[in-house]
Amino acid sequence: MRLEEAIRSNNFSDERHRATVNLVYSAYWMKDILSSALKEYGLTMEQHNVLRILKGSHPKDLCVKDIASRIVEKSSNVPRIIDRLVAKKLVRRYQSKEDKRETLVGLTEKGIETIQLARKVVDEVTHRTVNLNEKEAATLNALLEKMREGADDAGK
């Protein structure tokens, strides 16, 4: 669906403005689709992201600060997300023996199983939804990365 049809507007100042709105719209569109798929596992996108980060470092546990630095949605409340994952018995949280000020988080067996199952569903949904071949996806990735180049200099 064209952006103009989806948002019922074609009032853009230029193609960069249209691209910005298109990017934000598409991100929310994809998040809604993935969120629906993750409901089967009782996970939010943010909880899935934390589990994915922990799976990537497994069996090494991570401190909360490291998880927060890797999370996709930077405004997420990582300690609250971890609280919910602990309550679901998907992660364990404990105080570091080396630095008592540091809290470490690691996956439980249930967490490993859950993220593996959820990852399969996310992959299936992505392959069905993202109507791009590998070359087109690589081009999109390059363009998105180019767009973010110099973001620190531009004031984000």
N, C-alpha and C. Protein backbone atom coordinates (compact mmCIF):
# COMPACT_ATOMS: atom_id res chain seq x y z
N MET A 1 0.85 -1.18 0.00
CA MET A 1 0.00 0.00 0.00
C MET A 1 0.89 1.24 0.00
N ARG A 2 0.55 2.17 -0.83
CA ARG A 2 1.31 3.43 -0.88
C ARG A 2 1.08 4.22 0.39
N LEU A 3 2.09 4.96 0.80
CA LEU A 3 2.03 5.76 2.02
C LEU A 3 0.85 6.72 1.99
N GLU A 4 0.65 7.38 0.86
CA GLU A 4 -0.43 8.38 0.74
C GLU A 4 -1.80 7.75 1.01
N GLU A 5 -1.98 6.51 0.57
CA GLU A 5 -3.25 5.81 0.82
C GLU A 5 -3.37 5.44 2.30
N ALA A 6 -2.27 4.98 2.88
CA ALA A 6 -2.28 4.53 4.27
C ALA A 6 -2.59 5.66 5.24
N ILE A 7 -2.00 6.82 5.02
CA ILE A 7 -2.20 7.93 5.96
C ILE A 7 -3.19 8.97 5.43
N ARG A 8 -3.69 8.73 4.23
CA ARG A 8 -4.68 9.61 3.58
C ARG A 8 -4.19 11.06 3.50
N SER A 9 -2.95 11.18 3.07
CA SER A 9 -2.37 12.51 2.90
C SER A 9 -1.24 12.42 1.89
N ASN A 10 -1.06 13.50 1.16
CA ASN A 10 0.09 13.59 0.26
C ASN A 10 0.78 14.95 0.43
N ASN A 11 0.62 15.49 1.61
CA ASN A 11 1.14 16.81 1.91
C ASN A 11 2.56 16.70 2.49
N PHE A 12 3.53 16.52 1.61
CA PHE A 12 4.93 16.41 2.02
C PHE A 12 5.69 17.58 1.41
N SER A 13 6.61 18.14 2.17
CA SER A 13 7.37 19.28 1.66
C SER A 13 8.38 18.87 0.59
N ASP A 14 8.88 17.63 0.68
CA ASP A 14 9.80 17.13 -0.33
C ASP A 14 9.94 15.61 -0.14
N GLU A 15 10.77 14.98 -0.93
CA GLU A 15 10.93 13.52 -0.86
C GLU A 15 11.59 13.08 0.45
N ARG A 16 12.45 13.91 1.03
CA ARG A 16 13.05 13.55 2.32
C ARG A 16 11.98 13.53 3.40
N HIS A 17 11.09 14.50 3.37
CA HIS A 17 9.99 14.53 4.33
C HIS A 17 9.12 13.29 4.16
N ARG A 18 8.78 12.97 2.90
CA ARG A 18 7.98 11.78 2.62
C ARG A 18 8.70 10.52 3.10
N ALA A 19 10.01 10.43 2.85
CA ALA A 19 10.79 9.27 3.28
C ALA A 19 10.78 9.13 4.80
N THR A 20 10.87 10.25 5.51
CA THR A 20 10.85 10.23 6.97
C THR A 20 9.52 9.70 7.48
N VAL A 21 8.42 10.22 6.96
CA VAL A 21 7.09 9.75 7.37
C VAL A 21 6.92 8.28 6.99
N ASN A 22 7.39 7.91 5.80
CA ASN A 22 7.29 6.53 5.33
C ASN A 22 8.06 5.59 6.24
N LEU A 23 9.24 6.00 6.65
CA LEU A 23 10.06 5.18 7.54
C LEU A 23 9.38 4.98 8.89
N VAL A 24 8.88 6.04 9.48
CA VAL A 24 8.22 5.95 10.78
C VAL A 24 6.95 5.11 10.66
N TYR A 25 6.15 5.35 9.62
CA TYR A 25 4.93 4.58 9.41
C TYR A 25 5.27 3.09 9.26
N SER A 26 6.27 2.80 8.44
CA SER A 26 6.66 1.41 8.19
C SER A 26 7.18 0.72 9.45
N ALA A 27 7.92 1.45 10.27
CA ALA A 27 8.43 0.88 11.52
C ALA A 27 7.28 0.48 12.45
N TYR A 28 6.29 1.35 12.58
CA TYR A 28 5.13 1.03 13.43
C TYR A 28 4.31 -0.11 12.81
N TRP A 29 4.18 -0.12 11.50
CA TRP A 29 3.46 -1.19 10.80
C TRP A 29 4.12 -2.53 11.08
N MET A 30 5.44 -2.60 10.95
CA MET A 30 6.16 -3.84 11.18
C MET A 30 6.10 -4.23 12.65
N LYS A 31 6.19 -3.25 13.55
CA LYS A 31 6.12 -3.54 14.98
C LYS A 31 4.76 -4.14 15.34
N ASP A 32 3.68 -3.61 14.76
CA ASP A 32 2.35 -4.16 15.02
C ASP A 32 2.25 -5.61 14.57
N ILE A 33 2.80 -5.91 13.41
CA ILE A 33 2.76 -7.28 12.88
C ILE A 33 3.55 -8.22 13.78
N LEU A 34 4.76 -7.82 14.15
CA LEU A 34 5.60 -8.66 15.00
C LEU A 34 5.01 -8.79 16.41
N SER A 35 4.44 -7.71 16.94
CA SER A 35 3.81 -7.76 18.27
C SER A 35 2.69 -8.78 18.30
N SER A 36 1.90 -8.83 17.24
CA SER A 36 0.81 -9.81 17.16
C SER A 36 1.35 -11.23 17.18
N ALA A 37 2.44 -11.46 16.45
CA ALA A 37 3.04 -12.79 16.40
C ALA A 37 3.61 -13.19 17.76
N LEU A 38 4.17 -12.25 18.50
CA LEU A 38 4.80 -12.54 19.79
C LEU A 38 3.78 -12.75 20.91
N LYS A 39 2.53 -12.31 20.71
CA LYS A 39 1.50 -12.50 21.74
C LYS A 39 1.32 -13.97 22.08
N GLU A 40 1.53 -14.83 21.10
CA GLU A 40 1.41 -16.29 21.30
C GLU A 40 2.35 -16.76 22.42
N TYR A 41 3.46 -16.06 22.61
CA TYR A 41 4.44 -16.43 23.63
C TYR A 41 4.36 -15.52 24.85
N GLY A 42 3.37 -14.63 24.89
CA GLY A 42 3.20 -13.73 26.01
C GLY A 42 4.32 -12.70 26.11
N LEU A 43 4.92 -12.36 24.96
CA LEU A 43 6.03 -11.42 24.94
C LEU A 43 5.66 -10.13 24.23
N THR A 44 6.22 -9.03 24.72
CA THR A 44 6.16 -7.77 24.00
C THR A 44 7.40 -7.70 23.11
N MET A 45 7.43 -6.74 22.21
CA MET A 45 8.60 -6.54 21.36
C MET A 45 9.84 -6.25 22.21
N GLU A 46 9.67 -5.44 23.24
CA GLU A 46 10.79 -5.07 24.09
C GLU A 46 11.32 -6.27 24.87
N GLN A 47 10.40 -7.12 25.37
CA GLN A 47 10.82 -8.32 26.09
C GLN A 47 11.54 -9.27 25.13
N HIS A 48 11.03 -9.41 23.92
CA HIS A 48 11.68 -10.23 22.90
C HIS A 48 13.08 -9.71 22.62
N ASN A 49 13.21 -8.40 22.53
CA ASN A 49 14.51 -7.79 22.25
C ASN A 49 15.50 -8.11 23.36
N VAL A 50 15.09 -8.02 24.63
CA VAL A 50 15.97 -8.34 25.75
C VAL A 50 16.36 -9.81 25.70
N LEU A 51 15.40 -10.69 25.44
CA LEU A 51 15.71 -12.12 25.35
C LEU A 51 16.68 -12.40 24.20
N ARG A 52 16.49 -11.72 23.08
CA ARG A 52 17.37 -11.89 21.91
C ARG A 52 18.79 -11.45 22.25
N ILE A 53 18.91 -10.33 22.97
CA ILE A 53 20.23 -9.83 23.39
C ILE A 53 20.90 -10.85 24.31
N LEU A 54 20.15 -11.36 25.27
CA LEU A 54 20.71 -12.35 26.19
C LEU A 54 21.08 -13.65 25.48
N LYS A 55 20.28 -14.04 24.51
CA LYS A 55 20.59 -15.25 23.72
C LYS A 55 21.88 -15.06 22.94
N GLY A 56 22.10 -13.86 22.44
CA GLY A 56 23.32 -13.57 21.69
C GLY A 56 24.58 -13.66 22.52
N SER A 57 24.46 -13.44 23.83
CA SER A 57 25.64 -13.49 24.70
C SER A 57 25.72 -14.81 25.47
N HIS A 58 24.67 -15.60 25.40
CA HIS A 58 24.59 -16.85 26.16
C HIS A 58 25.76 -17.76 25.83
N PRO A 59 26.42 -18.36 26.79
CA PRO A 59 26.03 -18.50 28.20
C PRO A 59 26.51 -17.37 29.11
N LYS A 60 27.22 -16.38 28.54
CA LYS A 60 27.69 -15.25 29.36
C LYS A 60 26.49 -14.37 29.72
N ASP A 61 26.32 -14.08 30.98
CA ASP A 61 25.26 -13.18 31.44
C ASP A 61 25.71 -11.74 31.25
N LEU A 62 24.74 -10.84 31.18
CA LEU A 62 25.03 -9.43 30.92
C LEU A 62 24.53 -8.57 32.07
N CYS A 63 25.19 -7.43 32.26
CA CYS A 63 24.68 -6.47 33.23
C CYS A 63 23.57 -5.65 32.57
N VAL A 64 22.74 -5.06 33.38
CA VAL A 64 21.60 -4.29 32.89
C VAL A 64 22.05 -3.18 31.95
N LYS A 65 23.16 -2.52 32.29
CA LYS A 65 23.68 -1.43 31.47
C LYS A 65 24.03 -1.92 30.06
N ASP A 66 24.62 -3.10 29.95
CA ASP A 66 24.97 -3.65 28.64
C ASP A 66 23.72 -3.99 27.82
N ILE A 67 22.72 -4.52 28.49
CA ILE A 67 21.46 -4.82 27.80
C ILE A 67 20.84 -3.53 27.29
N ALA A 68 20.80 -2.51 28.14
CA ALA A 68 20.21 -1.22 27.76
C ALA A 68 20.95 -0.60 26.58
N SER A 69 22.26 -0.78 26.50
CA SER A 69 23.02 -0.18 25.40
C SER A 69 22.76 -0.88 24.07
N ARG A 70 22.25 -2.11 24.11
CA ARG A 70 22.02 -2.89 22.89
C ARG A 70 20.56 -2.91 22.43
N ILE A 71 19.66 -2.45 23.27
CA ILE A 71 18.23 -2.57 22.97
C ILE A 71 17.86 -1.66 21.80
N VAL A 72 16.93 -2.11 20.97
CA VAL A 72 16.52 -1.36 19.78
C VAL A 72 15.80 -0.09 20.17
N GLU A 73 14.82 -0.20 21.04
CA GLU A 73 14.02 0.96 21.44
C GLU A 73 14.65 1.59 22.67
N LYS A 74 15.44 2.64 22.45
CA LYS A 74 16.27 3.23 23.50
C LYS A 74 15.47 3.81 24.66
N SER A 75 14.20 4.13 24.45
CA SER A 75 13.40 4.70 25.54
C SER A 75 12.81 3.61 26.45
N SER A 76 13.13 2.36 26.19
CA SER A 76 12.60 1.26 26.99
C SER A 76 13.13 1.32 28.42
N ASN A 77 12.29 0.92 29.35
CA ASN A 77 12.67 0.83 30.75
C ASN A 77 13.20 -0.59 30.99
N VAL A 78 14.49 -0.76 30.79
CA VAL A 78 15.09 -2.10 30.83
C VAL A 78 14.90 -2.79 32.19
N PRO A 79 15.12 -2.12 33.33
CA PRO A 79 14.89 -2.82 34.60
C PRO A 79 13.45 -3.33 34.74
N ARG A 80 12.47 -2.56 34.29
CA ARG A 80 11.07 -3.01 34.36
C ARG A 80 10.82 -4.21 33.44
N ILE A 81 11.43 -4.18 32.25
CA ILE A 81 11.29 -5.31 31.32
C ILE A 81 11.90 -6.56 31.96
N ILE A 82 13.05 -6.41 32.58
CA ILE A 82 13.71 -7.55 33.23
C ILE A 82 12.85 -8.06 34.38
N ASP A 83 12.23 -7.16 35.16
CA ASP A 83 11.32 -7.57 36.24
C ASP A 83 10.23 -8.49 35.69
N ARG A 84 9.66 -8.12 34.57
CA ARG A 84 8.57 -8.92 33.98
C ARG A 84 9.08 -10.26 33.46
N LEU A 85 10.29 -10.26 32.90
CA LEU A 85 10.87 -11.52 32.41
C LEU A 85 11.24 -12.44 33.57
N VAL A 86 11.67 -11.87 34.71
CA VAL A 86 11.95 -12.66 35.91
C VAL A 86 10.63 -13.28 36.40
N ALA A 87 9.57 -12.49 36.44
CA ALA A 87 8.27 -12.99 36.89
C ALA A 87 7.76 -14.14 36.01
N LYS A 88 8.10 -14.09 34.73
CA LYS A 88 7.71 -15.16 33.80
C LYS A 88 8.68 -16.33 33.83
N LYS A 89 9.73 -16.21 34.66
CA LYS A 89 10.77 -17.23 34.81
C LYS A 89 11.54 -17.47 33.52
N LEU A 90 11.72 -16.40 32.73
CA LEU A 90 12.47 -16.49 31.47
C LEU A 90 13.92 -16.07 31.65
N VAL A 91 14.17 -15.24 32.68
CA VAL A 91 15.54 -14.82 33.01
C VAL A 91 15.73 -14.90 34.52
N ARG A 92 16.99 -14.93 34.90
CA ARG A 92 17.35 -14.84 36.32
C ARG A 92 18.21 -13.60 36.48
N ARG A 93 18.08 -12.98 37.64
CA ARG A 93 18.82 -11.75 37.94
C ARG A 93 19.54 -11.97 39.26
N TYR A 94 20.79 -11.54 39.31
CA TYR A 94 21.56 -11.73 40.53
C TYR A 94 22.66 -10.67 40.62
N GLN A 95 23.18 -10.51 41.81
CA GLN A 95 24.24 -9.52 42.05
C GLN A 95 25.58 -10.12 41.64
N SER A 96 26.39 -9.32 40.97
CA SER A 96 27.72 -9.75 40.55
C SER A 96 28.59 -10.01 41.78
N LYS A 97 29.38 -11.08 41.72
CA LYS A 97 30.31 -11.38 42.82
C LYS A 97 31.51 -10.44 42.78
N GLU A 98 31.90 -10.00 41.57
CA GLU A 98 33.06 -9.12 41.42
C GLU A 98 32.74 -7.67 41.80
N ASP A 99 31.53 -7.23 41.46
CA ASP A 99 31.14 -5.84 41.72
C ASP A 99 29.72 -5.85 42.28
N LYS A 100 29.61 -5.67 43.55
CA LYS A 100 28.30 -5.78 44.24
C LYS A 100 27.29 -4.74 43.75
N ARG A 101 27.78 -3.69 43.08
CA ARG A 101 26.87 -2.66 42.56
C ARG A 101 26.21 -3.09 41.24
N GLU A 102 26.73 -4.14 40.64
CA GLU A 102 26.28 -4.56 39.31
C GLU A 102 25.30 -5.72 39.40
N THR A 103 24.21 -5.62 38.64
CA THR A 103 23.23 -6.68 38.55
C THR A 103 23.40 -7.39 37.22
N LEU A 104 23.51 -8.71 37.27
CA LEU A 104 23.66 -9.52 36.06
C LEU A 104 22.36 -10.23 35.74
N VAL A 105 22.14 -10.47 34.46
CA VAL A 105 20.91 -11.11 34.00
C VAL A 105 21.31 -12.20 33.01
N GLY A 106 20.66 -13.36 33.15
CA GLY A 106 20.91 -14.46 32.23
C GLY A 106 19.63 -15.21 31.92
N LEU A 107 19.66 -15.95 30.84
CA LEU A 107 18.50 -16.73 30.43
C LEU A 107 18.34 -17.98 31.30
N THR A 108 17.10 -18.35 31.57
CA THR A 108 16.80 -19.64 32.18
C THR A 108 16.56 -20.63 31.04
N GLU A 109 16.42 -21.91 31.37
CA GLU A 109 16.11 -22.90 30.33
C GLU A 109 14.79 -22.55 29.64
N LYS A 110 13.81 -22.13 30.43
CA LYS A 110 12.53 -21.72 29.85
C LYS A 110 12.72 -20.52 28.93
N GLY A 111 13.58 -19.59 29.31
CA GLY A 111 13.87 -18.42 28.47
C GLY A 111 14.52 -18.82 27.16
N ILE A 112 15.45 -19.77 27.22
CA ILE A 112 16.11 -20.25 25.99
C ILE A 112 15.09 -20.88 25.06
N GLU A 113 14.25 -21.74 25.60
CA GLU A 113 13.21 -22.39 24.79
C GLU A 113 12.26 -21.36 24.19
N THR A 114 11.85 -20.39 25.00
CA THR A 114 10.89 -19.38 24.54
C THR A 114 11.49 -18.53 23.42
N ILE A 115 12.72 -18.07 23.58
CA ILE A 115 13.31 -17.21 22.55
C ILE A 115 13.56 -18.00 21.27
N GLN A 116 13.90 -19.27 21.36
CA GLN A 116 14.09 -20.08 20.16
C GLN A 116 12.78 -20.24 19.40
N LEU A 117 11.69 -20.50 20.11
CA LEU A 117 10.38 -20.64 19.46
C LEU A 117 9.91 -19.30 18.89
N ALA A 118 10.06 -18.24 19.68
CA ALA A 118 9.63 -16.91 19.23
C ALA A 118 10.45 -16.47 18.02
N ARG A 119 11.73 -16.78 18.01
CA ARG A 119 12.61 -16.41 16.88
C ARG A 119 12.14 -17.06 15.58
N LYS A 120 11.70 -18.31 15.68
CA LYS A 120 11.19 -19.01 14.48
C LYS A 120 9.96 -18.30 13.94
N VAL A 121 9.06 -17.91 14.83
CA VAL A 121 7.83 -17.22 14.41
C VAL A 121 8.17 -15.86 13.82
N VAL A 122 9.07 -15.12 14.46
CA VAL A 122 9.48 -13.81 13.95
C VAL A 122 10.10 -13.96 12.56
N ASP A 123 10.95 -14.96 12.39
CA ASP A 123 11.56 -15.20 11.08
C ASP A 123 10.51 -15.52 10.02
N GLU A 124 9.56 -16.38 10.37
CA GLU A 124 8.49 -16.74 9.42
C GLU A 124 7.66 -15.52 9.03
N VAL A 125 7.27 -14.74 10.02
CA VAL A 125 6.46 -13.55 9.77
C VAL A 125 7.25 -12.55 8.91
N THR A 126 8.52 -12.38 9.22
CA THR A 126 9.36 -11.46 8.46
C THR A 126 9.46 -11.91 7.00
N HIS A 127 9.69 -13.18 6.78
CA HIS A 127 9.81 -13.67 5.40
C HIS A 127 8.50 -13.53 4.62
N ARG A 128 7.37 -13.70 5.32
CA ARG A 128 6.07 -13.54 4.66
C ARG A 128 5.73 -12.07 4.41
N THR A 129 6.16 -11.20 5.31
CA THR A 129 5.72 -9.81 5.29
C THR A 129 6.62 -8.89 4.48
N VAL A 130 7.92 -9.05 4.63
CA VAL A 130 8.87 -8.16 3.97
C VAL A 130 9.03 -8.60 2.52
N ASN A 131 8.38 -7.87 1.64
CA ASN A 131 8.31 -8.23 0.23
C ASN A 131 9.53 -7.71 -0.54
N LEU A 132 10.72 -8.14 -0.10
CA LEU A 132 11.98 -7.72 -0.72
C LEU A 132 12.84 -8.96 -0.94
N ASN A 133 13.55 -8.99 -2.06
CA ASN A 133 14.53 -10.06 -2.23
C ASN A 133 15.80 -9.66 -1.48
N GLU A 134 16.80 -10.55 -1.47
CA GLU A 134 18.02 -10.28 -0.70
C GLU A 134 18.75 -9.03 -1.19
N LYS A 135 18.80 -8.82 -2.48
CA LYS A 135 19.50 -7.65 -3.01
C LYS A 135 18.77 -6.37 -2.61
N GLU A 136 17.44 -6.38 -2.71
CA GLU A 136 16.66 -5.20 -2.32
C GLU A 136 16.80 -4.93 -0.82
N ALA A 137 16.79 -6.00 -0.01
CA ALA A 137 16.95 -5.84 1.43
C ALA A 137 18.32 -5.26 1.76
N ALA A 138 19.36 -5.71 1.05
CA ALA A 138 20.71 -5.17 1.26
C ALA A 138 20.77 -3.70 0.89
N THR A 139 20.09 -3.33 -0.20
CA THR A 139 20.05 -1.92 -0.61
C THR A 139 19.34 -1.08 0.45
N LEU A 140 18.20 -1.57 0.94
CA LEU A 140 17.47 -0.85 1.99
C LEU A 140 18.34 -0.70 3.23
N ASN A 141 19.03 -1.76 3.63
CA ASN A 141 19.91 -1.68 4.80
C ASN A 141 20.99 -0.64 4.59
N ALA A 142 21.59 -0.61 3.42
CA ALA A 142 22.65 0.37 3.13
C ALA A 142 22.09 1.79 3.18
N LEU A 143 20.90 1.99 2.63
CA LEU A 143 20.30 3.32 2.65
C LEU A 143 19.96 3.77 4.07
N LEU A 144 19.43 2.86 4.88
CA LEU A 144 19.09 3.20 6.26
C LEU A 144 20.35 3.54 7.05
N GLU A 145 21.41 2.77 6.83
CA GLU A 145 22.66 3.06 7.53
C GLU A 145 23.26 4.38 7.06
N LYS A 146 23.16 4.66 5.77
CA LYS A 146 23.64 5.94 5.24
C LYS A 146 22.87 7.10 5.87
N MET A 147 21.57 6.91 6.03
CA MET A 147 20.73 7.94 6.62
C MET A 147 21.18 8.26 8.05
N ARG A 148 21.59 7.22 8.78
CA ARG A 148 22.00 7.43 10.18
C ARG A 148 23.43 7.92 10.32
N GLU A 149 24.22 7.89 9.26
CA GLU A 149 25.59 8.38 9.33
C GLU A 149 25.59 9.84 9.76
N GLY A 150 26.43 10.16 10.68
CA GLY A 150 26.54 11.54 11.11
C GLY A 150 25.40 12.00 11.99
N ALA A 151 24.57 11.07 12.47
CA ALA A 151 23.43 11.45 13.32
C ALA A 151 23.90 12.16 14.58
N ASP A 152 25.04 11.75 15.12
CA ASP A 152 25.58 12.41 16.31
C ASP A 152 25.92 13.87 16.02
N ASP A 153 26.44 14.10 14.82
CA ASP A 153 26.81 15.47 14.44
C ASP A 153 25.58 16.34 14.19
N ALA A 154 24.49 15.70 13.76
CA ALA A 154 23.29 16.45 13.39
C ALA A 154 22.37 16.69 14.58
N GLY A 155 22.76 16.25 15.76
CA GLY A 155 21.93 16.49 16.94
C GLY A 155 20.84 15.46 17.10
N LYS A 156 20.94 14.36 16.41
CA LYS A 156 19.97 13.26 16.47
C LYS A 156 18.60 13.81 16.25
